[in-house]
Amino acid sequence: MPAVIYQQPKSAMQSGKAKTDTWVLEFERSEALRADPLMGWAGSGDTQAQVRLNFPTKDAAKAYAE
C-alpha cells in the first residue's frame, strides 16, 4: 500500500519551531470518497486513510513503511 512520508510543517500561527521535528507517515487512499445520498456526508470503506503515524526520524518512518 503506498504511503507518504513528510516532515511536519510549521503552523502559520506560530513563530517558533516547536513540534516541527517529527516525521509523519500517511497512507494514500485506495478508493475514492463517495457522497451519502441522504445526508450528503463523504464516506469511504478505506480505514487506512485515517492512520497518521509520527516518528522522530525519517529513517524510523522508512523502516516502519518497509
N, C-alpha and C. Protein backbone atom coordinates (compact mmCIF):
# COMPACT_ATOMS: atom_id res chain seq x y z
N MET A 1 0.85 -1.17 0.00
CA MET A 1 0.00 0.00 0.00
C MET A 1 0.90 1.24 0.00
N PRO A 2 0.69 2.15 -0.92
CA PRO A 2 1.53 3.36 -1.00
C PRO A 2 1.35 4.25 0.24
N ALA A 3 2.46 4.83 0.65
CA ALA A 3 2.45 5.73 1.80
C ALA A 3 3.27 6.97 1.48
N VAL A 4 2.98 8.04 2.20
CA VAL A 4 3.70 9.31 2.03
C VAL A 4 4.39 9.63 3.35
N ILE A 5 5.69 9.96 3.27
CA ILE A 5 6.45 10.37 4.44
C ILE A 5 6.86 11.82 4.24
N TYR A 6 6.54 12.67 5.22
CA TYR A 6 6.91 14.08 5.11
C TYR A 6 7.19 14.63 6.50
N GLN A 7 7.88 15.77 6.53
CA GLN A 7 8.18 16.41 7.81
C GLN A 7 7.03 17.35 8.17
N GLN A 8 6.68 17.35 9.43
CA GLN A 8 5.58 18.18 9.91
C GLN A 8 5.86 19.65 9.59
N PRO A 9 4.98 20.33 8.86
CA PRO A 9 5.22 21.74 8.54
C PRO A 9 4.96 22.65 9.74
N LYS A 10 5.56 23.80 9.71
CA LYS A 10 5.36 24.79 10.77
C LYS A 10 4.01 25.47 10.56
N SER A 11 3.28 25.62 11.63
CA SER A 11 1.98 26.28 11.56
C SER A 11 2.15 27.76 11.28
N ALA A 12 1.23 28.35 10.55
CA ALA A 12 1.28 29.78 10.27
C ALA A 12 1.01 30.60 11.53
N MET A 13 0.46 29.97 12.55
CA MET A 13 0.11 30.68 13.78
C MET A 13 1.23 30.65 14.82
N GLN A 14 2.36 30.05 14.49
CA GLN A 14 3.46 30.00 15.46
C GLN A 14 4.72 30.57 14.85
N SER A 15 5.55 31.14 15.68
CA SER A 15 6.81 31.70 15.19
C SER A 15 7.98 30.80 15.52
N GLY A 16 7.81 29.91 16.49
CA GLY A 16 8.89 29.01 16.89
C GLY A 16 8.91 27.75 16.05
N LYS A 17 9.81 26.85 16.40
CA LYS A 17 9.95 25.60 15.66
C LYS A 17 9.51 24.40 16.48
N ALA A 18 8.67 24.62 17.48
CA ALA A 18 8.17 23.52 18.29
C ALA A 18 7.26 22.63 17.45
N LYS A 19 7.33 21.36 17.69
CA LYS A 19 6.51 20.34 17.03
C LYS A 19 6.76 20.25 15.53
N THR A 20 7.91 20.68 15.06
CA THR A 20 8.23 20.57 13.63
C THR A 20 9.35 19.57 13.39
N ASP A 21 9.80 18.89 14.44
CA ASP A 21 10.91 17.95 14.27
C ASP A 21 10.44 16.52 14.08
N THR A 22 9.14 16.29 13.93
CA THR A 22 8.63 14.94 13.74
C THR A 22 8.38 14.66 12.26
N TRP A 23 8.45 13.40 11.90
CA TRP A 23 8.16 12.94 10.55
C TRP A 23 6.84 12.19 10.58
N VAL A 24 6.02 12.39 9.57
CA VAL A 24 4.67 11.84 9.52
C VAL A 24 4.58 10.84 8.38
N LEU A 25 3.95 9.70 8.66
CA LEU A 25 3.67 8.69 7.64
C LEU A 25 2.16 8.58 7.49
N GLU A 26 1.67 8.82 6.28
CA GLU A 26 0.25 8.69 5.98
C GLU A 26 0.08 7.78 4.78
N PHE A 27 -0.93 6.94 4.82
CA PHE A 27 -1.22 6.05 3.70
C PHE A 27 -2.13 6.76 2.70
N GLU A 28 -1.92 6.49 1.42
CA GLU A 28 -2.76 7.08 0.38
C GLU A 28 -4.08 6.34 0.31
N ARG A 29 -5.09 7.03 -0.17
CA ARG A 29 -6.42 6.42 -0.29
C ARG A 29 -6.40 5.33 -1.36
N SER A 30 -7.05 4.20 -1.05
CA SER A 30 -7.15 3.12 -2.02
C SER A 30 -8.47 3.19 -2.79
N GLU A 31 -9.41 3.97 -2.29
CA GLU A 31 -10.67 4.16 -3.01
C GLU A 31 -11.14 5.60 -2.81
N ALA A 32 -11.92 6.07 -3.74
CA ALA A 32 -12.39 7.46 -3.70
C ALA A 32 -13.50 7.63 -2.66
N LEU A 33 -13.66 8.86 -2.20
CA LEU A 33 -14.76 9.18 -1.30
C LEU A 33 -16.07 9.17 -2.08
N ARG A 34 -17.12 8.76 -1.42
CA ARG A 34 -18.43 8.78 -2.07
C ARG A 34 -19.42 9.51 -1.16
N ALA A 35 -20.31 10.24 -1.77
CA ALA A 35 -21.27 11.05 -1.01
C ALA A 35 -22.47 10.20 -0.61
N ASP A 36 -22.90 10.35 0.63
CA ASP A 36 -24.10 9.68 1.10
C ASP A 36 -25.30 10.42 0.52
N PRO A 37 -26.24 9.73 -0.14
CA PRO A 37 -27.34 10.43 -0.79
C PRO A 37 -28.31 11.11 0.19
N LEU A 38 -28.44 10.59 1.39
CA LEU A 38 -29.39 11.16 2.35
C LEU A 38 -28.81 12.37 3.08
N MET A 39 -27.62 12.20 3.67
CA MET A 39 -27.03 13.26 4.50
C MET A 39 -26.03 14.13 3.75
N GLY A 40 -25.49 13.63 2.65
CA GLY A 40 -24.51 14.39 1.91
C GLY A 40 -23.09 14.28 2.47
N TRP A 41 -22.89 13.40 3.45
CA TRP A 41 -21.57 13.21 4.03
C TRP A 41 -20.68 12.46 3.06
N ALA A 42 -19.40 12.69 3.15
CA ALA A 42 -18.43 11.95 2.34
C ALA A 42 -17.95 10.76 3.16
N GLY A 43 -17.97 9.58 2.56
CA GLY A 43 -17.56 8.38 3.28
C GLY A 43 -16.76 7.46 2.40
N SER A 44 -16.13 6.49 3.05
CA SER A 44 -15.31 5.53 2.34
C SER A 44 -15.13 4.31 3.24
N GLY A 45 -14.86 3.18 2.63
CA GLY A 45 -14.58 1.96 3.38
C GLY A 45 -13.10 1.80 3.67
N ASP A 46 -12.31 2.77 3.24
CA ASP A 46 -10.86 2.71 3.39
C ASP A 46 -10.46 3.25 4.76
N THR A 47 -10.12 2.37 5.69
CA THR A 47 -9.74 2.81 7.03
C THR A 47 -8.26 3.19 7.12
N GLN A 48 -7.43 2.76 6.18
CA GLN A 48 -6.01 3.10 6.21
C GLN A 48 -5.78 4.59 6.01
N ALA A 49 -6.70 5.27 5.33
CA ALA A 49 -6.55 6.70 5.08
C ALA A 49 -6.66 7.51 6.38
N GLN A 50 -7.20 6.91 7.43
CA GLN A 50 -7.35 7.59 8.71
C GLN A 50 -6.11 7.48 9.58
N VAL A 51 -5.18 6.61 9.20
CA VAL A 51 -3.98 6.36 10.01
C VAL A 51 -2.93 7.43 9.74
N ARG A 52 -2.43 8.03 10.82
CA ARG A 52 -1.37 9.03 10.73
C ARG A 52 -0.37 8.74 11.84
N LEU A 53 0.83 8.31 11.46
CA LEU A 53 1.84 7.91 12.43
C LEU A 53 2.96 8.94 12.48
N ASN A 54 3.43 9.26 13.69
CA ASN A 54 4.52 10.21 13.88
C ASN A 54 5.79 9.46 14.28
N PHE A 55 6.93 9.89 13.73
CA PHE A 55 8.22 9.28 14.02
C PHE A 55 9.24 10.36 14.32
N PRO A 56 10.24 10.05 15.15
CA PRO A 56 11.26 11.07 15.47
C PRO A 56 12.24 11.33 14.33
N THR A 57 12.46 10.32 13.47
CA THR A 57 13.41 10.49 12.36
C THR A 57 12.81 9.95 11.07
N LYS A 58 13.36 10.40 9.96
CA LYS A 58 12.91 9.93 8.65
C LYS A 58 13.26 8.46 8.47
N ASP A 59 14.42 8.05 8.98
CA ASP A 59 14.83 6.65 8.86
C ASP A 59 13.89 5.72 9.61
N ALA A 60 13.39 6.15 10.75
CA ALA A 60 12.44 5.33 11.51
C ALA A 60 11.13 5.18 10.74
N ALA A 61 10.69 6.23 10.09
CA ALA A 61 9.46 6.17 9.30
C ALA A 61 9.64 5.25 8.10
N LYS A 62 10.80 5.34 7.44
CA LYS A 62 11.08 4.48 6.29
C LYS A 62 11.17 3.02 6.71
N ALA A 63 11.79 2.76 7.85
CA ALA A 63 11.91 1.38 8.34
C ALA A 63 10.53 0.79 8.65
N TYR A 64 9.64 1.58 9.22
CA TYR A 64 8.29 1.11 9.51
C TYR A 64 7.52 0.84 8.21
N ALA A 65 7.69 1.71 7.23
CA ALA A 65 6.95 1.57 5.97
C ALA A 65 7.39 0.33 5.19
N GLU A 66 8.65 -0.03 5.33
CA GLU A 66 9.14 -1.21 4.60
C GLU A 66 8.70 -2.45 5.32
